[in-house]
Amino acid sequence: VFALGHSLAFLVALPVRTLYLRRPASTSSTKLPANTTNTANNAALAVFALRPLLCGLLAGSLWLLGAYSVFRAGQIIGVTISVSVGRCSPLVAVLWGLIFWREAKHA
């Protein structure tokens, strides 16, 4: 039910996001003079990119798999232990970023 709700919200939000990003930008937020039109590099037009969308869907699917695993483990070993282990996921993400991706190399 939870995944269906998120999928429905995504399907509703995608066209709304696309329409919102295609609106003309106000001249106060740009560095161009008010009478200049730059259609070649108009920052107000959003380009729909498939790769970020697929990366987001993959990340959401992995999150859903992890949440399902925590709930399933709660039935087997108990809610207290499974939720405690599930709450360690930010620590695992930080360690993964530091060790594998070397995110703090130039920090």
PDB file of N, CA and C in Angstrom:
ATOM      1  N   VAL A   1       0.833  -1.188   0.000  1.00  0.00           N
ATOM      2  CA  VAL A   1       0.000   0.000   0.000  1.00  0.00           C
ATOM      3  C   VAL A   1       0.879   1.254   0.000  1.00  0.00           C
ATOM      4  N   PHE A   2       1.943   1.208   0.810  1.00  0.00           N
ATOM      5  CA  PHE A   2       2.846   2.351   0.903  1.00  0.00           C
ATOM      6  C   PHE A   2       3.514   2.632  -0.440  1.00  0.00           C
ATOM      7  N   ALA A   3       3.997   1.588  -1.094  1.00  0.00           N
ATOM      8  CA  ALA A   3       4.657   1.751  -2.395  1.00  0.00           C
ATOM      9  C   ALA A   3       3.672   2.229  -3.452  1.00  0.00           C
ATOM     10  N   LEU A   4       2.439   1.772  -3.395  1.00  0.00           N
ATOM     11  CA  LEU A   4       1.437   2.233  -4.349  1.00  0.00           C
ATOM     12  C   LEU A   4       1.143   3.712  -4.163  1.00  0.00           C
ATOM     13  N   GLY A   5       1.105   4.157  -2.913  1.00  0.00           N
ATOM     14  CA  GLY A   5       0.891   5.575  -2.639  1.00  0.00           C
ATOM     15  C   GLY A   5       2.020   6.434  -3.180  1.00  0.00           C
ATOM     16  N   HIS A   6       3.256   5.979  -3.004  1.00  0.00           N
ATOM     17  CA  HIS A   6       4.392   6.734  -3.529  1.00  0.00           C
ATOM     18  C   HIS A   6       4.399   6.726  -5.053  1.00  0.00           C
ATOM     19  N   SER A   7       4.054   5.614  -5.650  1.00  0.00           N
ATOM     20  CA  SER A   7       4.003   5.550  -7.117  1.00  0.00           C
ATOM     21  C   SER A   7       2.940   6.487  -7.663  1.00  0.00           C
ATOM     22  N   LEU A   8       1.784   6.528  -7.019  1.00  0.00           N
ATOM     23  CA  LEU A   8       0.719   7.431  -7.451  1.00  0.00           C
ATOM     24  C   LEU A   8       1.132   8.886  -7.282  1.00  0.00           C
ATOM     25  N   ALA A   9       1.782   9.206  -6.166  1.00  0.00           N
ATOM     26  CA  ALA A   9       2.254  10.573  -5.956  1.00  0.00           C
ATOM     27  C   ALA A   9       3.286  10.962  -7.012  1.00  0.00           C
ATOM     28  N   PHE A  10       4.148  10.026  -7.376  1.00  0.00           N
ATOM     29  CA  PHE A  10       5.145  10.298  -8.413  1.00  0.00           C
ATOM     30  C   PHE A  10       4.464  10.579  -9.748  1.00  0.00           C
ATOM     31  N   LEU A  11       3.474   9.769 -10.107  1.00  0.00           N
ATOM     32  CA  LEU A  11       2.796   9.950 -11.386  1.00  0.00           C
ATOM     33  C   LEU A  11       2.039  11.269 -11.441  1.00  0.00           C
ATOM     34  N   VAL A  12       1.548  11.742 -10.288  1.00  0.00           N
ATOM     35  CA  VAL A  12       0.856  13.031 -10.245  1.00  0.00           C
ATOM     36  C   VAL A  12       1.862  14.171 -10.256  1.00  0.00           C
ATOM     37  N   ALA A  13       2.972  14.010  -9.542  1.00  0.00           N
ATOM     38  CA  ALA A  13       3.932  15.103  -9.397  1.00  0.00           C
ATOM     39  C   ALA A  13       4.782  15.325 -10.637  1.00  0.00           C
ATOM     40  N   LEU A  14       5.011  14.309 -11.439  1.00  0.00           N
ATOM     41  CA  LEU A  14       5.880  14.458 -12.600  1.00  0.00           C
ATOM     42  C   LEU A  14       5.366  15.494 -13.592  1.00  0.00           C
ATOM     43  N   PRO A  15       4.098  15.445 -14.031  1.00  0.00           N
ATOM     44  CA  PRO A  15       3.644  16.488 -14.956  1.00  0.00           C
ATOM     45  C   PRO A  15       3.572  17.866 -14.306  1.00  0.00           C
ATOM     46  N   VAL A  16       3.238  17.909 -13.019  1.00  0.00           N
ATOM     47  CA  VAL A  16       3.180  19.192 -12.324  1.00  0.00           C
ATOM     48  C   VAL A  16       4.573  19.810 -12.264  1.00  0.00           C
ATOM     49  N   ARG A  17       5.581  19.003 -11.963  1.00  0.00           N
ATOM     50  CA  ARG A  17       6.963  19.483 -11.918  1.00  0.00           C
ATOM     51  C   ARG A  17       7.413  19.979 -13.284  1.00  0.00           C
ATOM     52  N   THR A  18       7.079  19.236 -14.320  1.00  0.00           N
ATOM     53  CA  THR A  18       7.479  19.623 -15.670  1.00  0.00           C
ATOM     54  C   THR A  18       6.837  20.948 -16.061  1.00  0.00           C
ATOM     55  N   LEU A  19       5.554  21.107 -15.776  1.00  0.00           N
ATOM     56  CA  LEU A  19       4.878  22.366 -16.098  1.00  0.00           C
ATOM     57  C   LEU A  19       5.433  23.520 -15.273  1.00  0.00           C
ATOM     58  N   TYR A  20       5.738  23.260 -14.008  1.00  0.00           N
ATOM     59  CA  TYR A  20       6.273  24.312 -13.145  1.00  0.00           C
ATOM     60  C   TYR A  20       7.637  24.793 -13.638  1.00  0.00           C
ATOM     61  N   LEU A  21       8.492  23.871 -14.055  1.00  0.00           N
ATOM     62  CA  LEU A  21       9.822  24.252 -14.499  1.00  0.00           C
ATOM     63  C   LEU A  21       9.831  24.868 -15.892  1.00  0.00           C
ATOM     64  N   ARG A  22       8.767  24.738 -16.631  1.00  0.00           N
ATOM     65  CA  ARG A  22       8.693  25.335 -17.970  1.00  0.00           C
ATOM     66  C   ARG A  22       8.128  26.741 -17.942  1.00  0.00           C
ATOM     67  N   ARG A  23       7.758  27.241 -16.783  1.00  0.00           N
ATOM     68  CA  ARG A  23       7.213  28.587 -16.700  1.00  0.00           C
ATOM     69  C   ARG A  23       8.328  29.599 -16.942  1.00  0.00           C
ATOM     70  N   PRO A  24       7.992  30.787 -17.441  1.00  0.00           N
ATOM     71  CA  PRO A  24       9.039  31.783 -17.671  1.00  0.00           C
ATOM     72  C   PRO A  24       9.600  32.291 -16.345  1.00  0.00           C
ATOM     73  N   ALA A  25      10.898  32.499 -16.325  1.00  0.00           N
ATOM     74  CA  ALA A  25      11.549  33.003 -15.112  1.00  0.00           C
ATOM     75  C   ALA A  25      11.327  34.498 -15.015  1.00  0.00           C
ATOM     76  N   SER A  26      11.277  34.997 -13.805  1.00  0.00           N
ATOM     77  CA  SER A  26      11.138  36.436 -13.634  1.00  0.00           C
ATOM     78  C   SER A  26      12.469  37.108 -13.974  1.00  0.00           C
ATOM     79  N   THR A  27      12.411  38.340 -14.419  1.00  0.00           N
ATOM     80  CA  THR A  27      13.637  39.041 -14.791  1.00  0.00           C
ATOM     81  C   THR A  27      14.453  39.424 -13.565  1.00  0.00           C
ATOM     82  N   SER A  28      13.847  39.442 -12.394  1.00  0.00           N
ATOM     83  CA  SER A  28      14.600  39.812 -11.202  1.00  0.00           C
ATOM     84  C   SER A  28      15.551  38.705 -10.762  1.00  0.00           C
ATOM     85  N   SER A  29      15.310  37.481 -11.184  1.00  0.00           N
ATOM     86  CA  SER A  29      16.175  36.381 -10.778  1.00  0.00           C
ATOM     87  C   SER A  29      17.273  36.079 -11.790  1.00  0.00           C
ATOM     88  N   THR A  30      17.302  36.816 -12.884  1.00  0.00           N
ATOM     89  CA  THR A  30      18.328  36.581 -13.898  1.00  0.00           C
ATOM     90  C   THR A  30      19.272  37.767 -13.964  1.00  0.00           C
ATOM     91  N   LYS A  31      20.426  37.567 -14.534  1.00  0.00           N
ATOM     92  CA  LYS A  31      21.403  38.645 -14.684  1.00  0.00           C
ATOM     93  C   LYS A  31      21.303  39.319 -16.051  1.00  0.00           C
ATOM     94  N   LEU A  32      20.387  38.848 -16.880  1.00  0.00           N
ATOM     95  CA  LEU A  32      20.205  39.456 -18.189  1.00  0.00           C
ATOM     96  C   LEU A  32      19.371  40.720 -18.056  1.00  0.00           C
ATOM     97  N   PRO A  33      19.587  41.699 -18.920  1.00  0.00           N
ATOM     98  CA  PRO A  33      18.704  42.870 -18.912  1.00  0.00           C
ATOM     99  C   PRO A  33      17.273  42.452 -19.239  1.00  0.00           C
ATOM    100  N   ALA A  34      16.320  43.272 -18.847  1.00  0.00           N
ATOM    101  CA  ALA A  34      14.907  42.922 -18.992  1.00  0.00           C
ATOM    102  C   ALA A  34      14.491  42.777 -20.446  1.00  0.00           C
ATOM    103  N   ASN A  35      15.113  43.494 -21.369  1.00  0.00           N
ATOM    104  CA  ASN A  35      14.705  43.424 -22.769  1.00  0.00           C
ATOM    105  C   ASN A  35      15.475  42.382 -23.572  1.00  0.00           C
ATOM    106  N   THR A  36      16.363  41.609 -22.945  1.00  0.00           N
ATOM    107  CA  THR A  36      17.158  40.598 -23.642  1.00  0.00           C
ATOM    108  C   THR A  36      16.442  39.265 -23.611  1.00  0.00           C
ATOM    109  N   THR A  37      16.368  38.609 -24.756  1.00  0.00           N
ATOM    110  CA  THR A  37      15.806  37.264 -24.799  1.00  0.00           C
ATOM    111  C   THR A  37      16.906  36.302 -25.202  1.00  0.00           C
ATOM    112  N   ASN A  38      17.071  35.286 -24.439  1.00  0.00           N
ATOM    113  CA  ASN A  38      18.107  34.289 -24.704  1.00  0.00           C
ATOM    114  C   ASN A  38      17.420  32.933 -24.817  1.00  0.00           C
ATOM    115  N   THR A  39      16.951  32.595 -25.995  1.00  0.00           N
ATOM    116  CA  THR A  39      16.200  31.347 -26.161  1.00  0.00           C
ATOM    117  C   THR A  39      17.113  30.142 -26.230  1.00  0.00           C
ATOM    118  N   ALA A  40      18.368  30.303 -26.612  1.00  0.00           N
ATOM    119  CA  ALA A  40      19.271  29.163 -26.719  1.00  0.00           C
ATOM    120  C   ALA A  40      19.640  28.613 -25.350  1.00  0.00           C
ATOM    121  N   ASN A  41      19.867  29.477 -24.376  1.00  0.00           N
ATOM    122  CA  ASN A  41      20.260  29.056 -23.036  1.00  0.00           C
ATOM    123  C   ASN A  41      19.259  29.560 -22.008  1.00  0.00           C
ATOM    124  N   ASN A  42      18.015  29.261 -22.189  1.00  0.00           N
ATOM    125  CA  ASN A  42      17.004  29.711 -21.241  1.00  0.00           C
ATOM    126  C   ASN A  42      16.995  28.774 -20.044  1.00  0.00           C
ATOM    127  N   ALA A  43      17.436  29.262 -18.907  1.00  0.00           N
ATOM    128  CA  ALA A  43      17.548  28.427 -17.714  1.00  0.00           C
ATOM    129  C   ALA A  43      16.188  28.069 -17.138  1.00  0.00           C
ATOM    130  N   ALA A  44      15.134  28.754 -17.565  1.00  0.00           N
ATOM    131  CA  ALA A  44      13.811  28.471 -17.019  1.00  0.00           C
ATOM    132  C   ALA A  44      13.206  27.207 -17.595  1.00  0.00           C
ATOM    133  N   LEU A  45      13.693  26.757 -18.745  1.00  0.00           N
ATOM    134  CA  LEU A  45      13.145  25.549 -19.358  1.00  0.00           C
ATOM    135  C   LEU A  45      13.872  24.327 -18.817  1.00  0.00           C
ATOM    136  N   ALA A  46      13.120  23.442 -18.254  1.00  0.00           N
ATOM    137  CA  ALA A  46      13.718  22.231 -17.692  1.00  0.00           C
ATOM    138  C   ALA A  46      13.829  21.177 -18.777  1.00  0.00           C
ATOM    139  N   VAL A  47      14.945  20.545 -18.824  1.00  0.00           N
ATOM    140  CA  VAL A  47      15.157  19.451 -19.762  1.00  0.00           C
ATOM    141  C   VAL A  47      14.902  18.158 -19.007  1.00  0.00           C
ATOM    142  N   PHE A  48      13.995  17.377 -19.503  1.00  0.00           N
ATOM    143  CA  PHE A  48      13.659  16.118 -18.853  1.00  0.00           C
ATOM    144  C   PHE A  48      14.778  15.119 -19.107  1.00  0.00           C
ATOM    145  N   ALA A  49      15.453  14.726 -18.053  1.00  0.00           N
ATOM    146  CA  ALA A  49      16.562  13.787 -18.172  1.00  0.00           C
ATOM    147  C   ALA A  49      16.134  12.440 -17.613  1.00  0.00           C
ATOM    148  N   LEU A  50      16.393  11.395 -18.330  1.00  0.00           N
ATOM    149  CA  LEU A  50      15.974  10.061 -17.933  1.00  0.00           C
ATOM    150  C   LEU A  50      16.887   9.467 -16.866  1.00  0.00           C
ATOM    151  N   ARG A  51      18.177   9.768 -16.918  1.00  0.00           N
ATOM    152  CA  ARG A  51      19.114   9.151 -15.974  1.00  0.00           C
ATOM    153  C   ARG A  51      18.827   9.519 -14.514  1.00  0.00           C
ATOM    154  N   PRO A  52      18.610  10.813 -14.165  1.00  0.00           N
ATOM    155  CA  PRO A  52      18.278  11.113 -12.772  1.00  0.00           C
ATOM    156  C   PRO A  52      16.968  10.469 -12.329  1.00  0.00           C
ATOM    157  N   LEU A  53      16.022  10.376 -13.245  1.00  0.00           N
ATOM    158  CA  LEU A  53      14.760   9.736 -12.919  1.00  0.00           C
ATOM    159  C   LEU A  53      14.973   8.265 -12.586  1.00  0.00           C
ATOM    160  N   LEU A  54      15.743   7.573 -13.408  1.00  0.00           N
ATOM    161  CA  LEU A  54      16.005   6.160 -13.158  1.00  0.00           C
ATOM    162  C   LEU A  54      16.832   5.955 -11.889  1.00  0.00           C
ATOM    163  N   CYS A  55      17.780   6.850 -11.637  1.00  0.00           N
ATOM    164  CA  CYS A  55      18.563   6.755 -10.387  1.00  0.00           C
ATOM    165  C   CYS A  55      17.658   6.946  -9.173  1.00  0.00           C
ATOM    166  N   GLY A  56      16.736   7.882  -9.253  1.00  0.00           N
ATOM    167  CA  GLY A  56      15.795   8.097  -8.155  1.00  0.00           C
ATOM    168  C   GLY A  56      14.868   6.913  -7.947  1.00  0.00           C
ATOM    169  N   LEU A  57      14.391   6.339  -9.046  1.00  0.00           N
ATOM    170  CA  LEU A  57      13.536   5.154  -8.929  1.00  0.00           C
ATOM    171  C   LEU A  57      14.307   3.968  -8.359  1.00  0.00           C
ATOM    172  N   LEU A  58      15.560   3.812  -8.752  1.00  0.00           N
ATOM    173  CA  LEU A  58      16.382   2.738  -8.208  1.00  0.00           C
ATOM    174  C   LEU A  58      16.628   2.952  -6.719  1.00  0.00           C
ATOM    175  N   ALA A  59      16.949   4.176  -6.329  1.00  0.00           N
ATOM    176  CA  ALA A  59      17.173   4.472  -4.911  1.00  0.00           C
ATOM    177  C   ALA A  59      15.902   4.243  -4.094  1.00  0.00           C
ATOM    178  N   GLY A  60      14.768   4.657  -4.622  1.00  0.00           N
ATOM    179  CA  GLY A  60      13.509   4.423  -3.920  1.00  0.00           C
ATOM    180  C   GLY A  60      13.170   2.950  -3.810  1.00  0.00           C
ATOM    181  N   SER A  61      13.479   2.197  -4.851  1.00  0.00           N
ATOM    182  CA  SER A  61      13.232   0.754  -4.809  1.00  0.00           C
ATOM    183  C   SER A  61      14.117   0.066  -3.778  1.00  0.00           C
ATOM    184  N   LEU A  62      15.381   0.491  -3.710  1.00  0.00           N
ATOM    185  CA  LEU A  62      16.274  -0.073  -2.699  1.00  0.00           C
ATOM    186  C   LEU A  62      15.829   0.303  -1.292  1.00  0.00           C
ATOM    187  N   TRP A  63      15.346   1.534  -1.120  1.00  0.00           N
ATOM    188  CA  TRP A  63      14.818   1.957   0.177  1.00  0.00           C
ATOM    189  C   TRP A  63      13.600   1.109   0.551  1.00  0.00           C
ATOM    190  N   LEU A  64      12.717   0.874  -0.426  1.00  0.00           N
ATOM    191  CA  LEU A  64      11.535   0.057  -0.180  1.00  0.00           C
ATOM    192  C   LEU A  64      11.927  -1.361   0.203  1.00  0.00           C
ATOM    193  N   LEU A  65      12.922  -1.915  -0.474  1.00  0.00           N
ATOM    194  CA  LEU A  65      13.402  -3.253  -0.143  1.00  0.00           C
ATOM    195  C   LEU A  65      13.972  -3.294   1.273  1.00  0.00           C
ATOM    196  N   GLY A  66      14.719  -2.266   1.652  1.00  0.00           N
ATOM    197  CA  GLY A  66      15.258  -2.201   3.007  1.00  0.00           C
ATOM    198  C   GLY A  66      14.165  -2.070   4.057  1.00  0.00           C
ATOM    199  N   ALA A  67      13.168  -1.230   3.799  1.00  0.00           N
ATOM    200  CA  ALA A  67      12.066  -1.070   4.749  1.00  0.00           C
ATOM    201  C   ALA A  67      11.275  -2.370   4.883  1.00  0.00           C
ATOM    202  N   TYR A  68      11.030  -3.028   3.767  1.00  0.00           N
ATOM    203  CA  TYR A  68      10.329  -4.307   3.815  1.00  0.00           C
ATOM    204  C   TYR A  68      11.129  -5.327   4.615  1.00  0.00           C
ATOM    205  N   SER A  69      12.446  -5.323   4.429  1.00  0.00           N
ATOM    206  CA  SER A  69      13.290  -6.270   5.161  1.00  0.00           C
ATOM    207  C   SER A  69      13.236  -6.019   6.663  1.00  0.00           C
ATOM    208  N   VAL A  70      13.224  -4.752   7.062  1.00  0.00           N
ATOM    209  CA  VAL A  70      13.131  -4.424   8.487  1.00  0.00           C
ATOM    210  C   VAL A  70      11.789  -4.887   9.049  1.00  0.00           C
ATOM    211  N   PHE A  71      10.714  -4.650   8.322  1.00  0.00           N
ATOM    212  CA  PHE A  71       9.398  -5.072   8.806  1.00  0.00           C
ATOM    213  C   PHE A  71       9.287  -6.595   8.858  1.00  0.00           C
ATOM    214  N   ARG A  72       9.846  -7.252   7.864  1.00  0.00           N
ATOM    215  CA  ARG A  72       9.819  -8.723   7.845  1.00  0.00           C
ATOM    216  C   ARG A  72      10.673  -9.289   8.976  1.00  0.00           C
ATOM    217  N   ALA A  73      11.829  -8.669   9.211  1.00  0.00           N
ATOM    218  CA  ALA A  73      12.678  -9.121  10.314  1.00  0.00           C
ATOM    219  C   ALA A  73      11.994  -8.892  11.654  1.00  0.00           C
ATOM    220  N   GLY A  74      11.160  -7.873  11.742  1.00  0.00           N
ATOM    221  CA  GLY A  74      10.416  -7.624  12.975  1.00  0.00           C
ATOM    222  C   GLY A  74       9.491  -8.766  13.327  1.00  0.00           C
ATOM    223  N   GLN A  75       8.963  -9.433  12.320  1.00  0.00           N
ATOM    224  CA  GLN A  75       8.104 -10.589  12.575  1.00  0.00           C
ATOM    225  C   GLN A  75       8.919 -11.795  13.036  1.00  0.00           C
ATOM    226  N   ILE A  76      10.161 -11.872  12.615  1.00  0.00           N
ATOM    227  CA  ILE A  76      10.975 -13.056  12.912  1.00  0.00           C
ATOM    228  C   ILE A  76      11.759 -12.895  14.211  1.00  0.00           C
ATOM    229  N   ILE A  77      12.528 -11.796  14.338  1.00  0.00           N
ATOM    230  CA  ILE A  77      13.392 -11.643  15.516  1.00  0.00           C
ATOM    231  C   ILE A  77      12.886 -10.626  16.522  1.00  0.00           C
ATOM    232  N   GLY A  78      11.833  -9.936  16.219  1.00  0.00           N
ATOM    233  CA  GLY A  78      11.281  -8.956  17.141  1.00  0.00           C
ATOM    234  C   GLY A  78      11.482  -7.540  16.618  1.00  0.00           C
ATOM    235  N   VAL A  79      10.509  -6.707  16.931  1.00  0.00           N
ATOM    236  CA  VAL A  79      10.506  -5.341  16.415  1.00  0.00           C
ATOM    237  C   VAL A  79      11.653  -4.518  17.005  1.00  0.00           C
ATOM    238  N   THR A  80      11.941  -4.704  18.281  1.00  0.00           N
ATOM    239  CA  THR A  80      12.975  -3.900  18.940  1.00  0.00           C
ATOM    240  C   THR A  80      14.329  -4.089  18.277  1.00  0.00           C
ATOM    241  N   ILE A  81      14.710  -5.307  18.026  1.00  0.00           N
ATOM    242  CA  ILE A  81      16.013  -5.577  17.429  1.00  0.00           C
ATOM    243  C   ILE A  81      16.038  -5.141  15.965  1.00  0.00           C
ATOM    244  N   SER A  82      14.996  -5.447  15.213  1.00  0.00           N
ATOM    245  CA  SER A  82      15.020  -5.124  13.779  1.00  0.00           C
ATOM    246  C   SER A  82      14.997  -3.617  13.537  1.00  0.00           C
ATOM    247  N   VAL A  83      14.241  -2.864  14.326  1.00  0.00           N
ATOM    248  CA  VAL A  83      14.218  -1.415  14.152  1.00  0.00           C
ATOM    249  C   VAL A  83      15.547  -0.806  14.579  1.00  0.00           C
ATOM    250  N   SER A  84      16.157  -1.340  15.627  1.00  0.00           N
ATOM    251  CA  SER A  84      17.471  -0.840  16.056  1.00  0.00           C
ATOM    252  C   SER A  84      18.517  -1.054  14.977  1.00  0.00           C
ATOM    253  N   VAL A  85      18.512  -2.207  14.354  1.00  0.00           N
ATOM    254  CA  VAL A  85      19.452  -2.474  13.261  1.00  0.00           C
ATOM    255  C   VAL A  85      19.126  -1.572  12.065  1.00  0.00           C
ATOM    256  N   GLY A  86      17.845  -1.396  11.775  1.00  0.00           N
ATOM    257  CA  GLY A  86      17.437  -0.530  10.670  1.00  0.00           C
ATOM    258  C   GLY A  86      17.820   0.919  10.888  1.00  0.00           C
ATOM    259  N   ARG A  87      17.856   1.350  12.139  1.00  0.00           N
ATOM    260  CA  ARG A  87      18.246   2.735  12.443  1.00  0.00           C
ATOM    261  C   ARG A  87      19.738   2.972  12.261  1.00  0.00           C
ATOM    262  N   CYS A  88      20.508   1.937  12.099  1.00  0.00           N
ATOM    263  CA  CYS A  88      21.954   2.073  11.853  1.00  0.00           C
ATOM    264  C   CYS A  88      22.249   2.357  10.390  1.00  0.00           C
ATOM    265  N   SER A  89      21.254   2.406   9.535  1.00  0.00           N
ATOM    266  CA  SER A  89      21.503   2.601   8.107  1.00  0.00           C
ATOM    267  C   SER A  89      22.205   3.924   7.790  1.00  0.00           C
ATOM    268  N   PRO A  90      21.925   5.045   8.478  1.00  0.00           N
ATOM    269  CA  PRO A  90      22.723   6.245   8.176  1.00  0.00           C
ATOM    270  C   PRO A  90      24.211   6.052   8.479  1.00  0.00           C
ATOM    271  N   LEU A  91      24.519   5.317   9.535  1.00  0.00           N
ATOM    272  CA  LEU A  91      25.918   5.046   9.857  1.00  0.00           C
ATOM    273  C   LEU A  91      26.568   4.211   8.755  1.00  0.00           C
ATOM    274  N   VAL A  92      25.853   3.225   8.268  1.00  0.00           N
ATOM    275  CA  VAL A  92      26.373   2.397   7.185  1.00  0.00           C
ATOM    276  C   VAL A  92      26.567   3.245   5.927  1.00  0.00           C
ATOM    277  N   ALA A  93      25.626   4.152   5.652  1.00  0.00           N
ATOM    278  CA  ALA A  93      25.740   5.022   4.476  1.00  0.00           C
ATOM    279  C   ALA A  93      26.951   5.941   4.585  1.00  0.00           C
ATOM    280  N   VAL A  94      27.202   6.475   5.776  1.00  0.00           N
ATOM    281  CA  VAL A  94      28.362   7.348   5.977  1.00  0.00           C
ATOM    282  C   VAL A  94      29.656   6.561   5.796  1.00  0.00           C
ATOM    283  N   LEU A  95      29.730   5.398   6.404  1.00  0.00           N
ATOM    284  CA  LEU A  95      30.935   4.580   6.263  1.00  0.00           C
ATOM    285  C   LEU A  95      31.153   4.164   4.808  1.00  0.00           C
ATOM    286  N   TRP A  96      30.076   3.829   4.108  1.00  0.00           N
ATOM    287  CA  TRP A  96      30.167   3.459   2.696  1.00  0.00           C
ATOM    288  C   TRP A  96      30.734   4.629   1.888  1.00  0.00           C
ATOM    289  N   GLY A  97      30.242   5.835   2.164  1.00  0.00           N
ATOM    290  CA  GLY A  97      30.723   7.012   1.448  1.00  0.00           C
ATOM    291  C   GLY A  97      32.171   7.334   1.769  1.00  0.00           C
ATOM    292  N   LEU A  98      32.558   7.190   3.041  1.00  0.00           N
ATOM    293  CA  LEU A  98      33.927   7.509   3.434  1.00  0.00           C
ATOM    294  C   LEU A  98      34.930   6.482   2.932  1.00  0.00           C
ATOM    295  N   ILE A  99      34.595   5.212   3.059  1.00  0.00           N
ATOM    296  CA  ILE A  99      35.553   4.163   2.723  1.00  0.00           C
ATOM    297  C   ILE A  99      35.545   3.834   1.233  1.00  0.00           C
ATOM    298  N   PHE A 100      34.373   3.587   0.669  1.00  0.00           N
ATOM    299  CA  PHE A 100      34.307   3.145  -0.720  1.00  0.00           C
ATOM    300  C   PHE A 100      34.425   4.307  -1.711  1.00  0.00           C
ATOM    301  N   TRP A 101      33.643   5.371  -1.497  1.00  0.00           N
ATOM    302  CA  TRP A 101      33.631   6.488  -2.439  1.00  0.00           C
ATOM    303  C   TRP A 101      34.677   7.558  -2.118  1.00  0.00           C
ATOM    304  N   ARG A 102      35.317   7.469  -0.965  1.00  0.00           N
ATOM    305  CA  ARG A 102      36.353   8.420  -0.536  1.00  0.00           C
ATOM    306  C   ARG A 102      35.874   9.854  -0.625  1.00  0.00           C
ATOM    307  N   GLU A 103      34.695  10.117  -0.027  1.00  0.00           N
ATOM    308  CA  GLU A 103      34.081  11.432  -0.106  1.00  0.00           C
ATOM    309  C   GLU A 103      34.832  12.495   0.683  1.00  0.00           C
ATOM    310  N   ALA A 104      35.528  12.117   1.728  1.00  0.00           N
ATOM    311  CA  ALA A 104      36.238  13.094   2.567  1.00  0.00           C
ATOM    312  C   ALA A 104      37.704  13.213   2.186  1.00  0.00           C
ATOM    313  N   LYS A 105      38.067  12.796   1.001  1.00  0.00           N
ATOM    314  CA  LYS A 105      39.473  12.787   0.597  1.00  0.00           C
ATOM    315  C   LYS A 105      40.052  14.210   0.546  1.00  0.00           C
ATOM    316  N   HIS A 106      39.279  15.165   0.047  1.00  0.00           N
ATOM    317  CA  HIS A 106      39.764  16.535  -0.073  1.00  0.00           C
ATOM    318  C   HIS A 106      39.133  17.468   0.949  1.00  0.00           C
ATOM    319  N   ALA A 107      38.522  16.943   1.951  1.00  0.00           N
ATOM    320  CA  ALA A 107      37.848  17.790   2.955  1.00  0.00           C
ATOM    321  C   ALA A 107      38.823  18.344   3.960  1.00  0.00           C
TER     322      ALA A 107
END
